[in-house]
Amino acid sequence: MRFPTIEARDLEGDVYTLPDGLPAGRRLVLVAFRRWQQILIDGWKSRLSSLQRENPDLTVWEVPALGRRYRAARPYIDGGMRAGIIDVDVRRHTLTSYTDLRALLGGLDIRDTETVHAFLVGDDGEILWRGEGEADGDKIQSLDAALRSSIPSA
């Protein structure tokens, strides 16, 4: 399954088309739908540092996905997120997407927006691994195994 094409903008204002517009390498895309899910995203990010050290081509992208109806409020929503994030690198890896949520959910085979979803996306846009909810030890171990089996050729 390929990660669906969506447009997003980082909190510094740069526009991306996912997945092909992201830098080369394996990408872990963390998709959130509700503000309270930030705690789950933070949990994923806090458990990924060793995997990122072991896999230098791995980048992590946080994608808050909101419905198109919120597009007019983008300056306020994105501005609020930007103001709350001091680290420029984190702002550059936070990509907000104001999109057709029904199409996104269908394209990712997600039933609802009640939790976060993590996708390991290869250089070709293929989803190599997926997880959802809290980043527990089993999910991190499973992600590590997926990373080991998808090591890019030099």
N, C-alpha and C. Protein backbone atom coordinates (compact mmCIF):
# COMPACT_ATOMS: atom_id res chain seq x y z
N MET A 1 0.85 -1.18 0.00
CA MET A 1 0.00 0.00 0.00
C MET A 1 0.90 1.24 0.00
N ARG A 2 0.54 2.19 -0.81
CA ARG A 2 1.29 3.43 -0.92
C ARG A 2 0.64 4.50 -0.04
N PHE A 3 1.47 5.34 0.59
CA PHE A 3 0.95 6.46 1.36
C PHE A 3 0.25 7.40 0.37
N PRO A 4 -0.98 7.83 0.68
CA PRO A 4 -1.71 8.70 -0.27
C PRO A 4 -1.05 10.06 -0.41
N THR A 5 -1.27 10.66 -1.55
CA THR A 5 -0.73 11.99 -1.82
C THR A 5 -1.58 13.04 -1.10
N ILE A 6 -0.92 13.83 -0.26
CA ILE A 6 -1.58 14.94 0.41
C ILE A 6 -0.65 16.15 0.41
N GLU A 7 -1.24 17.31 0.44
CA GLU A 7 -0.46 18.54 0.54
C GLU A 7 -0.42 18.97 2.00
N ALA A 8 0.74 19.45 2.41
CA ALA A 8 0.92 19.91 3.79
C ALA A 8 1.91 21.06 3.80
N ARG A 9 1.90 21.80 4.89
CA ARG A 9 2.82 22.92 5.05
C ARG A 9 3.47 22.81 6.42
N ASP A 10 4.79 22.99 6.46
CA ASP A 10 5.46 22.95 7.76
C ASP A 10 5.19 24.27 8.50
N LEU A 11 5.55 24.30 9.76
CA LEU A 11 5.25 25.48 10.58
C LEU A 11 6.20 26.63 10.31
N GLU A 12 7.09 26.47 9.35
CA GLU A 12 7.94 27.57 8.87
C GLU A 12 7.40 28.13 7.55
N GLY A 13 6.33 27.48 7.01
CA GLY A 13 5.68 27.98 5.80
C GLY A 13 6.03 27.25 4.52
N ASP A 14 6.92 26.26 4.56
CA ASP A 14 7.28 25.52 3.35
C ASP A 14 6.22 24.48 3.03
N VAL A 15 5.89 24.35 1.74
CA VAL A 15 4.85 23.43 1.28
C VAL A 15 5.48 22.12 0.82
N TYR A 16 4.83 21.02 1.18
CA TYR A 16 5.27 19.67 0.81
C TYR A 16 4.10 18.92 0.20
N THR A 17 4.41 18.02 -0.70
CA THR A 17 3.45 17.03 -1.16
C THR A 17 3.94 15.69 -0.67
N LEU A 18 3.17 15.08 0.22
CA LEU A 18 3.56 13.79 0.79
C LEU A 18 3.05 12.67 -0.11
N PRO A 19 3.75 11.59 -0.24
CA PRO A 19 5.03 11.32 0.38
C PRO A 19 6.23 11.74 -0.46
N ASP A 20 6.02 11.95 -1.76
CA ASP A 20 7.15 12.15 -2.68
C ASP A 20 7.94 13.43 -2.44
N GLY A 21 7.32 14.44 -1.85
CA GLY A 21 8.00 15.70 -1.63
C GLY A 21 8.85 15.74 -0.37
N LEU A 22 8.82 14.67 0.40
CA LEU A 22 9.68 14.61 1.59
C LEU A 22 11.09 14.23 1.17
N PRO A 23 12.09 14.59 1.97
CA PRO A 23 13.47 14.21 1.63
C PRO A 23 13.60 12.69 1.48
N ALA A 24 14.57 12.29 0.69
CA ALA A 24 14.81 10.86 0.43
C ALA A 24 15.11 10.13 1.72
N GLY A 25 14.85 8.84 1.71
CA GLY A 25 15.10 7.99 2.87
C GLY A 25 13.81 7.42 3.41
N ARG A 26 13.93 6.74 4.50
CA ARG A 26 12.74 6.19 5.16
C ARG A 26 12.19 7.25 6.09
N ARG A 27 10.86 7.38 6.07
CA ARG A 27 10.20 8.43 6.84
C ARG A 27 9.18 7.79 7.76
N LEU A 28 9.19 8.18 9.02
CA LEU A 28 8.13 7.77 9.93
C LEU A 28 7.17 8.95 10.00
N VAL A 29 5.97 8.72 9.50
CA VAL A 29 4.95 9.77 9.46
C VAL A 29 3.94 9.48 10.57
N LEU A 30 3.85 10.40 11.51
CA LEU A 30 2.94 10.28 12.65
C LEU A 30 1.73 11.17 12.38
N VAL A 31 0.59 10.56 12.14
CA VAL A 31 -0.61 11.30 11.77
C VAL A 31 -1.52 11.42 12.99
N ALA A 32 -1.88 12.66 13.31
CA ALA A 32 -2.78 12.95 14.44
C ALA A 32 -3.99 13.72 13.92
N PHE A 33 -5.10 13.57 14.60
CA PHE A 33 -6.34 14.20 14.16
C PHE A 33 -6.95 15.16 15.18
N ARG A 34 -6.53 15.04 16.43
CA ARG A 34 -7.12 15.85 17.49
C ARG A 34 -6.01 16.42 18.37
N ARG A 35 -6.29 17.58 18.92
CA ARG A 35 -5.28 18.28 19.73
C ARG A 35 -4.76 17.42 20.88
N TRP A 36 -5.64 16.71 21.58
CA TRP A 36 -5.23 15.91 22.73
C TRP A 36 -4.27 14.78 22.34
N GLN A 37 -4.22 14.42 21.07
CA GLN A 37 -3.34 13.34 20.62
C GLN A 37 -1.87 13.74 20.61
N GLN A 38 -1.59 15.02 20.88
CA GLN A 38 -0.20 15.47 20.94
C GLN A 38 0.59 14.68 21.97
N ILE A 39 -0.04 14.31 23.06
CA ILE A 39 0.66 13.54 24.08
C ILE A 39 1.09 12.18 23.53
N LEU A 40 0.29 11.58 22.67
CA LEU A 40 0.66 10.32 22.03
C LEU A 40 1.81 10.53 21.04
N ILE A 41 1.74 11.62 20.28
CA ILE A 41 2.82 11.95 19.33
C ILE A 41 4.12 12.14 20.10
N ASP A 42 4.07 12.89 21.19
CA ASP A 42 5.27 13.13 22.00
C ASP A 42 5.83 11.81 22.53
N GLY A 43 4.95 10.89 22.89
CA GLY A 43 5.40 9.58 23.35
C GLY A 43 6.14 8.81 22.27
N TRP A 44 5.63 8.86 21.05
CA TRP A 44 6.32 8.22 19.92
C TRP A 44 7.70 8.87 19.74
N LYS A 45 7.72 10.18 19.69
CA LYS A 45 8.97 10.88 19.41
C LYS A 45 10.02 10.64 20.49
N SER A 46 9.59 10.52 21.73
CA SER A 46 10.55 10.31 22.82
C SER A 46 11.18 8.91 22.77
N ARG A 47 10.52 7.98 22.13
CA ARG A 47 11.02 6.60 22.07
C ARG A 47 11.80 6.30 20.79
N LEU A 48 11.96 7.29 19.93
CA LEU A 48 12.57 7.05 18.63
C LEU A 48 14.04 7.42 18.52
N SER A 49 14.61 8.05 19.53
CA SER A 49 15.98 8.57 19.40
C SER A 49 16.99 7.47 19.08
N SER A 50 16.91 6.31 19.74
CA SER A 50 17.89 5.25 19.45
C SER A 50 17.68 4.70 18.05
N LEU A 51 16.43 4.58 17.61
CA LEU A 51 16.18 4.10 16.24
C LEU A 51 16.72 5.08 15.21
N GLN A 52 16.61 6.37 15.49
CA GLN A 52 17.14 7.37 14.56
C GLN A 52 18.67 7.33 14.53
N ARG A 53 19.31 7.09 15.67
CA ARG A 53 20.77 6.97 15.68
C ARG A 53 21.22 5.75 14.87
N GLU A 54 20.49 4.65 14.99
CA GLU A 54 20.85 3.42 14.29
C GLU A 54 20.48 3.46 12.80
N ASN A 55 19.59 4.36 12.43
CA ASN A 55 19.10 4.46 11.05
C ASN A 55 19.20 5.92 10.60
N PRO A 56 20.40 6.35 10.18
CA PRO A 56 20.60 7.77 9.89
C PRO A 56 19.72 8.33 8.76
N ASP A 57 19.16 7.44 7.93
CA ASP A 57 18.28 7.94 6.86
C ASP A 57 16.84 8.11 7.32
N LEU A 58 16.54 7.75 8.57
CA LEU A 58 15.17 7.83 9.09
C LEU A 58 14.87 9.25 9.56
N THR A 59 13.81 9.81 9.01
CA THR A 59 13.32 11.11 9.49
C THR A 59 11.92 10.92 10.05
N VAL A 60 11.55 11.76 11.00
CA VAL A 60 10.25 11.66 11.65
C VAL A 60 9.46 12.92 11.33
N TRP A 61 8.23 12.72 10.90
CA TRP A 61 7.35 13.81 10.48
C TRP A 61 6.04 13.71 11.24
N GLU A 62 5.67 14.78 11.88
CA GLU A 62 4.39 14.87 12.58
C GLU A 62 3.40 15.54 11.63
N VAL A 63 2.27 14.89 11.38
CA VAL A 63 1.28 15.44 10.45
C VAL A 63 -0.07 15.58 11.15
N PRO A 64 -0.36 16.77 11.68
CA PRO A 64 -1.72 17.03 12.15
C PRO A 64 -2.63 17.15 10.92
N ALA A 65 -3.62 16.28 10.84
CA ALA A 65 -4.53 16.27 9.69
C ALA A 65 -5.87 16.85 10.13
N LEU A 66 -6.27 17.91 9.47
CA LEU A 66 -7.53 18.58 9.79
C LEU A 66 -8.40 18.61 8.54
N GLY A 67 -9.69 18.66 8.74
CA GLY A 67 -10.62 18.74 7.62
C GLY A 67 -10.48 20.05 6.86
N ARG A 68 -10.89 20.02 5.62
CA ARG A 68 -10.81 21.22 4.76
C ARG A 68 -11.56 22.41 5.34
N ARG A 69 -12.60 22.13 6.11
CA ARG A 69 -13.40 23.24 6.65
C ARG A 69 -12.60 24.16 7.56
N TYR A 70 -11.46 23.68 8.06
CA TYR A 70 -10.60 24.49 8.94
C TYR A 70 -9.56 25.29 8.16
N ARG A 71 -9.52 25.14 6.86
CA ARG A 71 -8.49 25.80 6.04
C ARG A 71 -8.48 27.32 6.23
N ALA A 72 -9.63 27.93 6.36
CA ALA A 72 -9.68 29.40 6.53
C ALA A 72 -9.03 29.82 7.85
N ALA A 73 -9.03 28.93 8.83
CA ALA A 73 -8.45 29.24 10.13
C ALA A 73 -6.97 28.84 10.21
N ARG A 74 -6.39 28.40 9.10
CA ARG A 74 -5.00 27.93 9.09
C ARG A 74 -4.03 28.92 9.73
N PRO A 75 -4.09 30.21 9.40
CA PRO A 75 -3.13 31.14 10.01
C PRO A 75 -3.19 31.12 11.55
N TYR A 76 -4.37 30.98 12.10
CA TYR A 76 -4.53 30.97 13.55
C TYR A 76 -4.09 29.62 14.14
N ILE A 77 -4.52 28.55 13.50
CA ILE A 77 -4.20 27.21 14.01
C ILE A 77 -2.69 26.96 13.91
N ASP A 78 -2.14 27.17 12.70
CA ASP A 78 -0.70 26.96 12.51
C ASP A 78 0.11 27.94 13.35
N GLY A 79 -0.37 29.17 13.43
CA GLY A 79 0.33 30.18 14.23
C GLY A 79 0.38 29.80 15.70
N GLY A 80 -0.72 29.24 16.21
CA GLY A 80 -0.74 28.79 17.60
C GLY A 80 0.23 27.64 17.83
N MET A 81 0.26 26.70 16.87
CA MET A 81 1.20 25.58 17.00
C MET A 81 2.64 26.10 16.93
N ARG A 82 2.88 26.99 15.97
CA ARG A 82 4.25 27.53 15.79
C ARG A 82 4.71 28.25 17.05
N ALA A 83 3.82 29.03 17.65
CA ALA A 83 4.19 29.78 18.85
C ALA A 83 4.53 28.86 20.02
N GLY A 84 3.92 27.67 20.03
CA GLY A 84 4.16 26.74 21.11
C GLY A 84 5.37 25.85 20.93
N ILE A 85 6.03 25.96 19.77
CA ILE A 85 7.19 25.10 19.48
C ILE A 85 8.41 25.99 19.27
N ILE A 86 9.33 25.95 20.19
CA ILE A 86 10.52 26.80 20.14
C ILE A 86 11.55 26.27 19.14
N ASP A 87 11.69 24.95 19.06
CA ASP A 87 12.72 24.31 18.25
C ASP A 87 12.36 24.40 16.75
N VAL A 88 13.21 25.08 15.98
CA VAL A 88 12.97 25.27 14.55
C VAL A 88 12.92 23.92 13.82
N ASP A 89 13.77 22.98 14.21
CA ASP A 89 13.78 21.67 13.56
C ASP A 89 12.44 20.95 13.77
N VAL A 90 11.87 21.08 14.94
CA VAL A 90 10.55 20.47 15.21
C VAL A 90 9.50 21.15 14.35
N ARG A 91 9.56 22.48 14.24
CA ARG A 91 8.60 23.19 13.38
C ARG A 91 8.72 22.76 11.93
N ARG A 92 9.95 22.49 11.49
CA ARG A 92 10.16 22.06 10.09
C ARG A 92 9.70 20.63 9.84
N HIS A 93 9.54 19.86 10.92
CA HIS A 93 9.08 18.47 10.78
C HIS A 93 7.64 18.29 11.24
N THR A 94 6.93 19.41 11.44
CA THR A 94 5.51 19.38 11.75
C THR A 94 4.78 19.94 10.53
N LEU A 95 4.05 19.07 9.85
CA LEU A 95 3.40 19.41 8.59
C LEU A 95 1.88 19.36 8.75
N THR A 96 1.23 20.50 8.74
CA THR A 96 -0.22 20.50 8.87
C THR A 96 -0.85 20.30 7.50
N SER A 97 -1.88 19.46 7.48
CA SER A 97 -2.60 19.19 6.25
C SER A 97 -4.08 19.45 6.47
N TYR A 98 -4.63 20.34 5.67
CA TYR A 98 -6.05 20.65 5.68
C TYR A 98 -6.60 19.95 4.45
N THR A 99 -7.20 18.80 4.66
CA THR A 99 -7.44 17.89 3.55
C THR A 99 -8.80 17.22 3.67
N ASP A 100 -9.13 16.45 2.69
CA ASP A 100 -10.33 15.62 2.69
C ASP A 100 -10.06 14.44 3.62
N LEU A 101 -10.54 14.53 4.85
CA LEU A 101 -10.24 13.49 5.84
C LEU A 101 -10.80 12.14 5.44
N ARG A 102 -11.96 12.12 4.84
CA ARG A 102 -12.55 10.84 4.42
C ARG A 102 -11.62 10.14 3.41
N ALA A 103 -11.10 10.89 2.46
CA ALA A 103 -10.19 10.31 1.47
C ALA A 103 -8.88 9.87 2.13
N LEU A 104 -8.37 10.66 3.06
CA LEU A 104 -7.14 10.30 3.75
C LEU A 104 -7.33 9.02 4.57
N LEU A 105 -8.43 8.95 5.32
CA LEU A 105 -8.70 7.76 6.11
C LEU A 105 -8.83 6.53 5.21
N GLY A 106 -9.53 6.68 4.11
CA GLY A 106 -9.68 5.56 3.18
C GLY A 106 -8.35 5.15 2.57
N GLY A 107 -7.55 6.13 2.19
CA GLY A 107 -6.26 5.84 1.57
C GLY A 107 -5.27 5.18 2.51
N LEU A 108 -5.45 5.41 3.81
CA LEU A 108 -4.57 4.81 4.81
C LEU A 108 -5.21 3.62 5.53
N ASP A 109 -6.43 3.28 5.12
CA ASP A 109 -7.17 2.19 5.75
C ASP A 109 -7.29 2.40 7.26
N ILE A 110 -7.72 3.62 7.63
CA ILE A 110 -7.95 3.98 9.03
C ILE A 110 -9.46 4.06 9.24
N ARG A 111 -9.93 3.43 10.32
CA ARG A 111 -11.37 3.39 10.59
C ARG A 111 -11.91 4.70 11.18
N ASP A 112 -11.13 5.34 12.05
CA ASP A 112 -11.62 6.56 12.68
C ASP A 112 -10.44 7.44 13.10
N THR A 113 -10.76 8.58 13.67
CA THR A 113 -9.74 9.57 14.05
C THR A 113 -9.50 9.60 15.55
N GLU A 114 -9.80 8.52 16.23
CA GLU A 114 -9.74 8.49 17.69
C GLU A 114 -8.34 8.29 18.27
N THR A 115 -7.35 8.01 17.43
CA THR A 115 -5.99 7.86 17.94
C THR A 115 -5.00 8.24 16.84
N VAL A 116 -3.72 8.27 17.19
CA VAL A 116 -2.68 8.58 16.21
C VAL A 116 -2.30 7.31 15.46
N HIS A 117 -1.76 7.51 14.28
CA HIS A 117 -1.31 6.41 13.44
C HIS A 117 0.11 6.71 12.97
N ALA A 118 0.95 5.69 13.02
CA ALA A 118 2.35 5.82 12.62
C ALA A 118 2.57 4.98 11.37
N PHE A 119 3.27 5.55 10.39
CA PHE A 119 3.55 4.86 9.13
C PHE A 119 5.02 5.00 8.79
N LEU A 120 5.69 3.87 8.61
CA LEU A 120 7.04 3.88 8.07
C LEU A 120 6.90 3.85 6.57
N VAL A 121 7.35 4.92 5.92
CA VAL A 121 7.17 5.08 4.48
C VAL A 121 8.53 5.01 3.81
N GLY A 122 8.65 4.13 2.84
CA GLY A 122 9.90 3.99 2.10
C GLY A 122 10.11 5.12 1.12
N ASP A 123 11.28 5.12 0.54
CA ASP A 123 11.66 6.15 -0.42
C ASP A 123 10.70 6.21 -1.61
N ASP A 124 10.07 5.07 -1.92
CA ASP A 124 9.16 4.99 -3.05
C ASP A 124 7.70 5.30 -2.68
N GLY A 125 7.48 5.67 -1.41
CA GLY A 125 6.13 6.00 -0.96
C GLY A 125 5.34 4.82 -0.42
N GLU A 126 5.92 3.62 -0.51
CA GLU A 126 5.24 2.44 0.02
C GLU A 126 5.26 2.42 1.54
N ILE A 127 4.16 1.99 2.13
CA ILE A 127 4.09 1.86 3.59
C ILE A 127 4.74 0.53 3.95
N LEU A 128 5.82 0.60 4.71
CA LEU A 128 6.60 -0.57 5.08
C LEU A 128 6.16 -1.14 6.43
N TRP A 129 5.52 -0.32 7.24
CA TRP A 129 5.09 -0.71 8.58
C TRP A 129 4.06 0.30 9.05
N ARG A 130 3.19 -0.14 9.95
CA ARG A 130 2.21 0.77 10.53
C ARG A 130 1.92 0.39 11.96
N GLY A 131 1.57 1.39 12.75
CA GLY A 131 1.18 1.18 14.14
C GLY A 131 0.16 2.25 14.50
N GLU A 132 -0.48 2.08 15.63
CA GLU A 132 -1.44 3.08 16.06
C GLU A 132 -1.49 3.14 17.57
N GLY A 133 -1.98 4.27 18.07
CA GLY A 133 -2.11 4.44 19.51
C GLY A 133 -0.80 4.78 20.17
N GLU A 134 -0.68 4.37 21.41
CA GLU A 134 0.50 4.67 22.22
C GLU A 134 1.72 3.90 21.73
N ALA A 135 2.88 4.53 21.82
CA ALA A 135 4.15 3.89 21.40
C ALA A 135 4.66 3.02 22.54
N ASP A 136 4.20 1.79 22.60
CA ASP A 136 4.67 0.89 23.65
C ASP A 136 5.88 0.09 23.15
N GLY A 137 6.45 -0.69 24.04
CA GLY A 137 7.65 -1.46 23.71
C GLY A 137 7.45 -2.40 22.54
N ASP A 138 6.30 -3.06 22.46
CA ASP A 138 6.05 -3.99 21.36
C ASP A 138 6.03 -3.27 20.01
N LYS A 139 5.42 -2.09 19.97
CA LYS A 139 5.35 -1.35 18.70
C LYS A 139 6.73 -0.85 18.29
N ILE A 140 7.52 -0.37 19.25
CA ILE A 140 8.87 0.10 18.93
C ILE A 140 9.73 -1.07 18.46
N GLN A 141 9.58 -2.21 19.09
CA GLN A 141 10.33 -3.41 18.67
C GLN A 141 9.91 -3.84 17.27
N SER A 142 8.64 -3.79 16.98
CA SER A 142 8.13 -4.14 15.65
C SER A 142 8.65 -3.14 14.60
N LEU A 143 8.64 -1.86 14.94
CA LEU A 143 9.18 -0.84 14.05
C LEU A 143 10.66 -1.07 13.80
N ASP A 144 11.41 -1.40 14.85
CA ASP A 144 12.84 -1.69 14.71
C ASP A 144 13.05 -2.85 13.75
N ALA A 145 12.25 -3.89 13.87
CA ALA A 145 12.36 -5.04 12.96
C ALA A 145 12.08 -4.62 11.52
N ALA A 146 11.08 -3.77 11.33
CA ALA A 146 10.76 -3.29 9.98
C ALA A 146 11.90 -2.45 9.41
N LEU A 147 12.52 -1.64 10.26
CA LEU A 147 13.65 -0.84 9.81
C LEU A 147 14.82 -1.73 9.42
N ARG A 148 15.07 -2.77 10.20
CA ARG A 148 16.17 -3.69 9.89
C ARG A 148 15.93 -4.45 8.59
N SER A 149 14.68 -4.76 8.30
CA SER A 149 14.40 -5.52 7.07
C SER A 149 14.29 -4.61 5.84
N SER A 150 14.31 -3.32 6.06
CA SER A 150 14.18 -2.39 4.91
C SER A 150 15.39 -1.47 4.78
N ILE A 151 16.56 -1.96 5.22
CA ILE A 151 17.77 -1.14 5.15
C ILE A 151 18.05 -0.82 3.68
N PRO A 152 18.18 0.48 3.38
CA PRO A 152 18.43 0.86 1.98
C PRO A 152 19.81 0.41 1.52
N SER A 153 19.90 0.06 0.25
CA SER A 153 21.21 -0.33 -0.29
C SER A 153 22.09 0.89 -0.48
N ALA A 154 23.37 0.70 -0.27
CA ALA A 154 24.32 1.83 -0.35
C ALA A 154 24.68 2.16 -1.77
